[in-house]
């Protein structure tokens, strides 16, 4: 039996983000291992994990709250992208690709939030 979250396209998309972030931060300088790289990984993982945790909620209001946290975490990844670009760890093209991917994910999360009625 599949868990509820496994059928959510937004969760599947969030997994894609974690994979992309994991590959990206491997190219960061060694001195960023425990700072920006770690923060970016944790934020990306938080998107997926909050969707999972919220999907087990007993109410739509509680699920919405976890989705809002997931949205904030996705935006945190965007903030990390800006820092990585400013520090020349990623180029403009890679930045734009990831920015667009996260923009789509945020819109998906927001659409799910908007679809939940009490």
C-alpha atoms as a PDB file:
ATOM      1  CA  UNK A   1       0.000   0.000   0.000  1.00  0.00           C
ATOM      2  CA  UNK A   2       1.397   3.364  -1.013  1.00  0.00           C
ATOM      3  CA  UNK A   3       1.484   6.272   1.359  1.00  0.00           C
ATOM      4  CA  UNK A   4      -0.595   9.298   0.402  1.00  0.00           C
ATOM      5  CA  UNK A   5       2.434  11.498  -0.359  1.00  0.00           C
ATOM      6  CA  UNK A   6       3.860   9.046  -2.901  1.00  0.00           C
ATOM      7  CA  UNK A   7       1.115   9.948  -5.366  1.00  0.00           C
ATOM      8  CA  UNK A   8       1.616  13.703  -5.020  1.00  0.00           C
ATOM      9  CA  UNK A   9       3.322  15.230  -8.063  1.00  0.00           C
ATOM     10  CA  UNK A  10       4.569  18.045  -5.856  1.00  0.00           C
ATOM     11  CA  UNK A  11       6.393  15.537  -3.655  1.00  0.00           C
ATOM     12  CA  UNK A  12       7.910  13.821  -6.693  1.00  0.00           C
ATOM     13  CA  UNK A  13       9.089  17.224  -7.939  1.00  0.00           C
ATOM     14  CA  UNK A  14      10.585  17.979  -4.521  1.00  0.00           C
ATOM     15  CA  UNK A  15      12.642  14.789  -4.770  1.00  0.00           C
ATOM     16  CA  UNK A  16      14.015  16.037  -8.078  1.00  0.00           C
ATOM     17  CA  UNK A  17      15.105  19.208  -6.311  1.00  0.00           C
ATOM     18  CA  UNK A  18      16.958  17.253  -3.626  1.00  0.00           C
ATOM     19  CA  UNK A  19      18.811  15.298  -6.312  1.00  0.00           C
ATOM     20  CA  UNK A  20      19.795  18.429  -8.214  1.00  0.00           C
ATOM     21  CA  UNK A  21      20.942  20.225  -5.066  1.00  0.00           C
ATOM     22  CA  UNK A  22      22.974  17.211  -3.965  1.00  0.00           C
ATOM     23  CA  UNK A  23      24.845  17.165  -7.274  1.00  0.00           C
ATOM     24  CA  UNK A  24      25.274  20.930  -7.307  1.00  0.00           C
ATOM     25  CA  UNK A  25      26.828  21.302  -3.864  1.00  0.00           C
ATOM     26  CA  UNK A  26      29.403  18.621  -4.620  1.00  0.00           C
ATOM     27  CA  UNK A  27      31.048  21.197  -6.880  1.00  0.00           C
ATOM     28  CA  UNK A  28      31.228  23.846  -4.129  1.00  0.00           C
ATOM     29  CA  UNK A  29      34.618  24.580  -2.534  1.00  0.00           C
ATOM     30  CA  UNK A  30      35.627  22.387   0.396  1.00  0.00           C
ATOM     31  CA  UNK A  31      35.358  25.278   2.861  1.00  0.00           C
ATOM     32  CA  UNK A  32      31.609  25.477   2.097  1.00  0.00           C
ATOM     33  CA  UNK A  33      30.999  21.847   3.055  1.00  0.00           C
ATOM     34  CA  UNK A  34      29.626  22.698   6.499  1.00  0.00           C
ATOM     35  CA  UNK A  35      28.100  26.055   5.676  1.00  0.00           C
ATOM     36  CA  UNK A  36      26.356  26.938   2.411  1.00  0.00           C
ATOM     37  CA  UNK A  37      26.415  23.407   0.992  1.00  0.00           C
ATOM     38  CA  UNK A  38      24.985  21.951   4.189  1.00  0.00           C
ATOM     39  CA  UNK A  39      22.356  24.678   4.489  1.00  0.00           C
ATOM     40  CA  UNK A  40      21.261  24.181   0.886  1.00  0.00           C
ATOM     41  CA  UNK A  41      20.980  20.411   1.328  1.00  0.00           C
ATOM     42  CA  UNK A  42      18.949  20.780   4.525  1.00  0.00           C
ATOM     43  CA  UNK A  43      16.590  23.310   2.935  1.00  0.00           C
ATOM     44  CA  UNK A  44      16.018  21.101  -0.126  1.00  0.00           C
ATOM     45  CA  UNK A  45      15.422  18.053   2.064  1.00  0.00           C
ATOM     46  CA  UNK A  46      13.037  20.062   4.211  1.00  0.00           C
ATOM     47  CA  UNK A  47      10.763  20.708   1.231  1.00  0.00           C
ATOM     48  CA  UNK A  48      10.274  17.005   0.606  1.00  0.00           C
ATOM     49  CA  UNK A  49      10.084  15.993   4.255  1.00  0.00           C
ATOM     50  CA  UNK A  50       7.506  18.613   5.177  1.00  0.00           C
ATOM     51  CA  UNK A  51       5.277  17.475   2.332  1.00  0.00           C
ATOM     52  CA  UNK A  52       5.587  13.910   3.641  1.00  0.00           C
ATOM     53  CA  UNK A  53       4.919  14.865   7.244  1.00  0.00           C
ATOM     54  CA  UNK A  54       2.011  17.117   6.349  1.00  0.00           C
ATOM     55  CA  UNK A  55       0.363  14.482   4.202  1.00  0.00           C
ATOM     56  CA  UNK A  56      -0.219  12.389   7.327  1.00  0.00           C
ATOM     57  CA  UNK A  57      -2.095  15.223   9.023  1.00  0.00           C
ATOM     58  CA  UNK A  58      -5.553  14.718  10.403  1.00  0.00           C
ATOM     59  CA  UNK A  59      -6.804  18.019   9.002  1.00  0.00           C
ATOM     60  CA  UNK A  60      -6.362  20.132   5.900  1.00  0.00           C
ATOM     61  CA  UNK A  61      -5.363  23.076   8.092  1.00  0.00           C
ATOM     62  CA  UNK A  62      -2.447  21.109   9.498  1.00  0.00           C
ATOM     63  CA  UNK A  63      -1.439  19.865   6.043  1.00  0.00           C
ATOM     64  CA  UNK A  64      -1.515  23.488   4.825  1.00  0.00           C
ATOM     65  CA  UNK A  65       0.822  24.491   7.651  1.00  0.00           C
ATOM     66  CA  UNK A  66       3.393  21.867   6.626  1.00  0.00           C
ATOM     67  CA  UNK A  67       3.064  22.883   2.973  1.00  0.00           C
ATOM     68  CA  UNK A  68       3.724  26.496   3.955  1.00  0.00           C
ATOM     69  CA  UNK A  69       6.894  25.372   5.715  1.00  0.00           C
ATOM     70  CA  UNK A  70       7.862  23.410   2.581  1.00  0.00           C
ATOM     71  CA  UNK A  71       7.332  26.576   0.543  1.00  0.00           C
ATOM     72  CA  UNK A  72       9.574  28.575   2.863  1.00  0.00           C
ATOM     73  CA  UNK A  73      12.250  25.916   2.592  1.00  0.00           C
ATOM     74  CA  UNK A  74      12.080  26.059  -1.203  1.00  0.00           C
ATOM     75  CA  UNK A  75      12.580  29.814  -1.005  1.00  0.00           C
ATOM     76  CA  UNK A  76      15.536  29.236   1.303  1.00  0.00           C
ATOM     77  CA  UNK A  77      17.105  27.157  -1.471  1.00  0.00           C
ATOM     78  CA  UNK A  78      16.605  30.146  -3.778  1.00  0.00           C
ATOM     79  CA  UNK A  79      18.410  32.328  -1.254  1.00  0.00           C
ATOM     80  CA  UNK A  80      21.260  29.833  -1.220  1.00  0.00           C
ATOM     81  CA  UNK A  81      21.350  29.949  -5.021  1.00  0.00           C
ATOM     82  CA  UNK A  82      21.825  33.696  -4.933  1.00  0.00           C
ATOM     83  CA  UNK A  83      24.703  33.309  -2.480  1.00  0.00           C
ATOM     84  CA  UNK A  84      26.287  30.588  -4.621  1.00  0.00           C
ATOM     85  CA  UNK A  85      26.032  32.794  -7.695  1.00  0.00           C
ATOM     86  CA  UNK A  86      27.520  35.808  -5.881  1.00  0.00           C
ATOM     87  CA  UNK A  87      30.413  33.648  -4.710  1.00  0.00           C
ATOM     88  CA  UNK A  88      30.921  32.339  -8.266  1.00  0.00           C
ATOM     89  CA  UNK A  89      30.165  28.709  -7.366  1.00  0.00           C
ATOM     90  CA  UNK A  90      27.547  28.552 -10.111  1.00  0.00           C
ATOM     91  CA  UNK A  91      27.164  30.450 -13.352  1.00  0.00           C
ATOM     92  CA  UNK A  92      24.164  32.443 -14.528  1.00  0.00           C
ATOM     93  CA  UNK A  93      22.840  29.638 -16.726  1.00  0.00           C
ATOM     94  CA  UNK A  94      22.822  27.067 -13.917  1.00  0.00           C
ATOM     95  CA  UNK A  95      21.350  29.621 -11.546  1.00  0.00           C
ATOM     96  CA  UNK A  96      18.500  30.358 -13.990  1.00  0.00           C
ATOM     97  CA  UNK A  97      17.750  26.666 -14.525  1.00  0.00           C
ATOM     98  CA  UNK A  98      17.471  25.956 -10.818  1.00  0.00           C
ATOM     99  CA  UNK A  99      15.606  29.160 -10.115  1.00  0.00           C
ATOM    100  CA  UNK A 100      12.997  28.185 -12.719  1.00  0.00           C
ATOM    101  CA  UNK A 101      12.729  24.631 -11.335  1.00  0.00           C
ATOM    102  CA  UNK A 102      12.100  25.975  -7.841  1.00  0.00           C
ATOM    103  CA  UNK A 103       9.656  28.577  -9.138  1.00  0.00           C
ATOM    104  CA  UNK A 104       7.568  25.758 -10.633  1.00  0.00           C
ATOM    105  CA  UNK A 105       7.787  23.753  -7.407  1.00  0.00           C
ATOM    106  CA  UNK A 106       6.677  26.741  -5.310  1.00  0.00           C
ATOM    107  CA  UNK A 107       3.711  27.271  -7.630  1.00  0.00           C
ATOM    108  CA  UNK A 108       2.789  23.596  -7.288  1.00  0.00           C
ATOM    109  CA  UNK A 109       2.959  23.759  -3.500  1.00  0.00           C
ATOM    110  CA  UNK A 110       0.890  26.938  -3.467  1.00  0.00           C
ATOM    111  CA  UNK A 111      -1.716  25.368  -5.751  1.00  0.00           C
ATOM    112  CA  UNK A 112      -1.984  22.406  -3.379  1.00  0.00           C
ATOM    113  CA  UNK A 113      -2.329  24.784  -0.425  1.00  0.00           C
ATOM    114  CA  UNK A 114      -5.092  26.662  -2.250  1.00  0.00           C
ATOM    115  CA  UNK A 115      -6.921  23.425  -3.071  1.00  0.00           C
ATOM    116  CA  UNK A 116      -7.231  22.374   0.565  1.00  0.00           C
ATOM    117  CA  UNK A 117     -10.565  23.312   2.070  1.00  0.00           C
ATOM    118  CA  UNK A 118     -11.479  22.883   5.693  1.00  0.00           C
END
